[in-house]
Amino acid sequence: MGSFLDEEVPPVNPLSMAAIEELGRCFLQQLAPEVLGEPQPLNVLDLVDTRLPEFGIHVCPASREEIGNRDGATDPRGNDEVTILVSENVWDELELPAPRSHYARTTVGHELGHAVLHVPVLRRRLLRSDVLARTQRANLRAYEDPEWQAWAFAGAILIPSATLRMLQAQHSRVSLDLVSSTYEVSIDMAQSHLRRLKWPNHGLD
């Protein structure tokens, strides 16, 4: 079995963590400003059902025949609205209470990263060619990798830095358990995002 770094992806514009955080903040300011006011979980189900469609982003359930073995996919084609497909399992799990919804919430956040960060760029390229050039992920630095960028965006909207600082002010230490329970994300997601942010001790002590 090959490494996941053997995957081929379309090259995208380099983006720093700081730039992605700012784009995530702008996204939340428009679609879910309440989560910037205090540490709390983003209501992903409400975002999918009522808020994203107003901005031309549609998250839809898809069968395995449609989506294959993936749990999420974002279609870069078209020139107007964006369609995100998620597996039926992920769709159903969005309605479940935490922690059973953790994976589904993060999957949707990741696909929103592709929709916001990459679809506009890829659509401009598709206007010039019917085929998108692709490259090995192993040849890319993290900030050049569309998958890294999409996970970073998911973290930025699910665990906003502004409210992480509030959480830090409220508690003597920001642990992984605290981040996980506050924002309704998995321990792994909390750990990965704190590491991307270079948060002191990454919440690991």
Protein backbone atom coordinates (compact mmCIF):
# COMPACT_ATOMS: atom_id res chain seq x y z
CA MET A 1 0.00 0.00 0.00
CA GLY A 2 1.36 3.42 -0.93
CA SER A 3 1.66 6.34 1.43
CA PHE A 4 -1.07 8.99 1.39
CA LEU A 5 1.71 11.32 0.24
CA ASP A 6 1.70 9.39 -3.04
CA GLU A 7 -1.62 11.05 -3.85
CA GLU A 8 -1.70 13.46 -6.75
CA VAL A 9 -3.39 16.83 -6.20
CA PRO A 10 -3.86 19.97 -8.29
CA PRO A 11 -1.29 22.64 -7.37
CA VAL A 12 -2.80 25.61 -5.54
CA ASN A 13 -1.56 28.97 -4.32
CA PRO A 14 0.66 28.77 -1.22
CA LEU A 15 -1.16 29.88 1.94
CA SER A 16 0.29 30.41 5.40
CA MET A 17 -1.52 29.38 8.56
CA ALA A 18 -2.02 33.06 9.39
CA ALA A 19 -3.65 33.69 6.00
CA ILE A 20 -5.94 30.68 6.39
CA GLU A 21 -6.90 31.78 9.90
CA GLU A 22 -7.89 35.19 8.58
CA LEU A 23 -9.96 33.65 5.79
CA GLY A 24 -11.62 31.40 8.36
CA ARG A 25 -12.38 34.41 10.56
CA CYS A 26 -13.96 36.26 7.62
CA PHE A 27 -16.00 33.16 6.77
CA LEU A 28 -17.32 32.94 10.34
CA GLN A 29 -17.94 36.68 10.51
CA GLN A 30 -20.30 36.35 7.56
CA LEU A 31 -21.94 33.01 8.26
CA ALA A 32 -21.69 32.33 11.99
CA PRO A 33 -20.54 35.45 13.87
CA GLU A 34 -21.81 34.09 17.19
CA VAL A 35 -18.94 31.62 17.44
CA LEU A 36 -16.42 34.46 17.46
CA GLY A 37 -17.96 35.95 20.61
CA GLU A 38 -17.13 33.16 23.04
CA PRO A 39 -15.71 29.61 23.02
CA GLN A 40 -18.44 27.34 21.66
CA PRO A 41 -18.97 24.69 18.98
CA LEU A 42 -19.86 25.78 15.48
CA ASN A 43 -23.36 24.59 14.60
CA VAL A 44 -22.35 22.73 11.44
CA LEU A 45 -25.81 21.26 10.87
CA ASP A 46 -27.42 24.71 10.86
CA LEU A 47 -24.60 26.00 8.66
CA VAL A 48 -25.30 23.24 6.13
CA ASP A 49 -29.09 23.50 6.28
CA THR A 50 -29.73 27.23 6.35
CA ARG A 51 -26.66 29.43 6.03
CA LEU A 52 -24.39 28.01 3.34
CA PRO A 53 -27.11 27.80 0.64
CA GLU A 54 -27.58 31.57 0.88
CA PHE A 55 -23.93 31.89 -0.16
CA GLY A 56 -24.22 29.38 -3.00
CA ILE A 57 -22.60 26.43 -1.21
CA HIS A 58 -24.67 23.24 -1.06
CA VAL A 59 -23.70 20.23 1.05
CA CYS A 60 -25.52 17.10 -0.11
CA PRO A 61 -25.53 13.41 0.89
CA ALA A 62 -24.13 11.00 -1.67
CA SER A 63 -24.22 7.24 -2.07
CA ARG A 64 -21.10 5.11 -2.37
CA GLU A 65 -21.87 4.75 -6.08
CA GLU A 66 -21.62 8.53 -6.42
CA ILE A 67 -18.69 9.26 -4.11
CA GLY A 68 -16.71 5.99 -4.10
CA ASN A 69 -14.67 5.26 -0.99
CA ARG A 70 -14.32 8.92 -0.01
CA ASP A 71 -16.32 10.56 2.76
CA GLY A 72 -16.32 13.99 1.15
CA ALA A 73 -15.69 15.61 -2.24
CA THR A 74 -16.01 19.16 -3.55
CA ASP A 75 -16.81 19.70 -7.23
CA PRO A 76 -14.65 22.47 -8.77
CA ARG A 77 -16.62 22.55 -12.00
CA GLY A 78 -19.16 25.22 -12.90
CA ASN A 79 -19.04 28.98 -12.55
CA ASP A 80 -21.61 29.79 -9.91
CA GLU A 81 -22.74 27.65 -6.98
CA VAL A 82 -20.53 25.03 -5.33
CA THR A 83 -21.62 21.47 -4.54
CA ILE A 84 -20.04 19.48 -1.71
CA LEU A 85 -20.87 15.79 -1.54
CA VAL A 86 -20.55 13.86 1.72
CA SER A 87 -21.19 10.18 2.25
CA GLU A 88 -24.57 9.21 3.63
CA ASN A 89 -22.88 8.04 6.84
CA VAL A 90 -21.28 11.45 7.36
CA TRP A 91 -24.58 13.17 6.59
CA ASP A 92 -26.43 11.07 9.17
CA GLU A 93 -23.72 11.60 11.80
CA LEU A 94 -24.09 15.39 11.56
CA GLU A 95 -27.35 15.06 13.48
CA LEU A 96 -25.83 12.98 16.29
CA PRO A 97 -24.66 14.48 19.59
CA ALA A 98 -20.95 14.81 20.32
CA PRO A 99 -18.70 12.86 20.26
CA ARG A 100 -20.41 10.79 17.55
CA SER A 101 -20.63 13.85 15.29
CA HIS A 102 -16.95 14.77 15.59
CA TYR A 103 -15.80 13.11 12.38
CA ALA A 104 -18.73 14.42 10.33
CA ARG A 105 -18.23 18.00 11.54
CA THR A 106 -14.54 17.91 10.68
CA THR A 107 -15.19 16.31 7.27
CA VAL A 108 -17.61 19.10 6.34
CA GLY A 109 -15.13 21.69 7.61
CA HIS A 110 -12.40 20.16 5.43
CA GLU A 111 -14.58 20.22 2.32
CA LEU A 112 -15.54 23.83 3.06
CA GLY A 113 -11.83 24.55 3.02
CA HIS A 114 -11.67 23.25 -0.54
CA ALA A 115 -14.80 25.21 -1.50
CA VAL A 116 -13.51 28.50 -0.11
CA LEU A 117 -9.77 28.24 -0.78
CA HIS A 118 -9.50 26.17 -3.95
CA VAL A 119 -12.66 26.13 -6.07
CA PRO A 120 -12.25 29.74 -7.32
CA VAL A 121 -8.62 29.05 -8.35
CA LEU A 122 -9.41 25.73 -10.01
CA ARG A 123 -12.38 27.19 -11.89
CA ARG A 124 -10.16 29.85 -13.43
CA ARG A 125 -7.77 27.12 -14.57
CA LEU A 126 -10.61 25.03 -15.98
CA LEU A 127 -11.61 27.98 -18.16
CA ARG A 128 -8.24 27.60 -19.90
CA SER A 129 -8.16 23.80 -20.03
CA ASP A 130 -10.51 20.87 -19.57
CA VAL A 131 -7.91 19.02 -17.49
CA LEU A 132 -6.31 20.15 -14.24
CA ALA A 133 -2.57 19.56 -13.87
CA ARG A 134 -1.70 17.42 -10.86
CA THR A 135 1.39 16.85 -8.76
CA GLN A 136 2.53 14.47 -6.02
CA ARG A 137 1.76 15.65 -2.51
CA ALA A 138 5.18 14.39 -1.45
CA ASN A 139 6.74 17.12 -3.62
CA LEU A 140 4.85 19.92 -1.88
CA ARG A 141 5.55 21.85 1.28
CA ALA A 142 2.66 21.82 3.75
CA TYR A 143 1.53 25.35 2.92
CA GLU A 144 1.42 24.41 -0.80
CA ASP A 145 -0.64 21.25 -0.23
CA PRO A 146 -4.39 21.69 -0.82
CA GLU A 147 -5.18 18.92 1.66
CA TRP A 148 -3.11 20.55 4.42
CA GLN A 149 -4.75 23.87 3.63
CA ALA A 150 -8.24 22.38 3.79
CA TRP A 151 -7.55 20.75 7.18
CA ALA A 152 -6.11 24.04 8.42
CA PHE A 153 -9.28 25.85 7.30
CA ALA A 154 -11.43 23.26 9.08
CA GLY A 155 -9.48 23.95 12.25
CA ALA A 156 -9.78 27.71 11.78
CA ILE A 157 -13.58 27.61 11.65
CA LEU A 158 -14.14 24.83 14.20
CA ILE A 159 -11.53 26.10 16.71
CA PRO A 160 -11.15 29.86 16.11
CA SER A 161 -7.96 31.34 17.55
CA ALA A 162 -9.82 34.34 18.91
CA THR A 163 -11.92 32.19 21.21
CA LEU A 164 -8.99 29.88 22.00
CA ARG A 165 -7.36 32.93 23.58
CA MET A 166 -10.57 33.52 25.56
CA LEU A 167 -10.49 29.91 26.69
CA GLN A 168 -6.90 30.34 27.77
CA ALA A 169 -7.86 33.40 29.81
CA GLN A 170 -10.64 31.44 31.54
CA HIS A 171 -8.53 28.40 32.48
CA SER A 172 -5.09 27.87 33.90
CA ARG A 173 -4.22 25.61 30.97
CA VAL A 174 -5.77 24.76 27.61
CA SER A 175 -5.71 20.96 27.45
CA LEU A 176 -6.71 18.73 24.56
CA ASP A 177 -9.70 17.48 26.54
CA LEU A 178 -10.86 21.05 27.14
CA VAL A 179 -10.52 22.00 23.47
CA SER A 180 -12.25 18.80 22.37
CA SER A 181 -15.23 19.24 24.67
CA THR A 182 -15.57 23.01 24.11
CA TYR A 183 -15.54 22.90 20.32
CA GLU A 184 -16.96 19.38 19.80
CA VAL A 185 -13.97 18.08 17.87
CA SER A 186 -11.95 14.94 18.37
CA ILE A 187 -8.79 14.85 20.46
CA ASP A 188 -6.82 14.16 17.26
CA MET A 189 -8.32 17.20 15.54
CA ALA A 190 -7.61 19.39 18.57
CA GLN A 191 -4.02 18.15 18.73
CA SER A 192 -3.39 18.61 15.00
CA HIS A 193 -4.79 22.13 14.95
CA LEU A 194 -2.95 23.29 18.06
CA ARG A 195 0.23 21.97 16.49
CA ARG A 196 -0.47 23.86 13.25
CA LEU A 197 -1.00 27.02 15.32
CA LYS A 198 2.23 26.37 17.24
CA TRP A 199 0.15 26.80 20.38
CA PRO A 200 2.30 26.70 23.54
CA ASN A 201 2.86 23.02 24.46
CA HIS A 202 0.21 22.10 21.85
CA GLY A 203 -2.11 21.38 24.80
CA LEU A 204 -0.18 18.17 25.40
CA ASP A 205 0.98 18.66 28.96
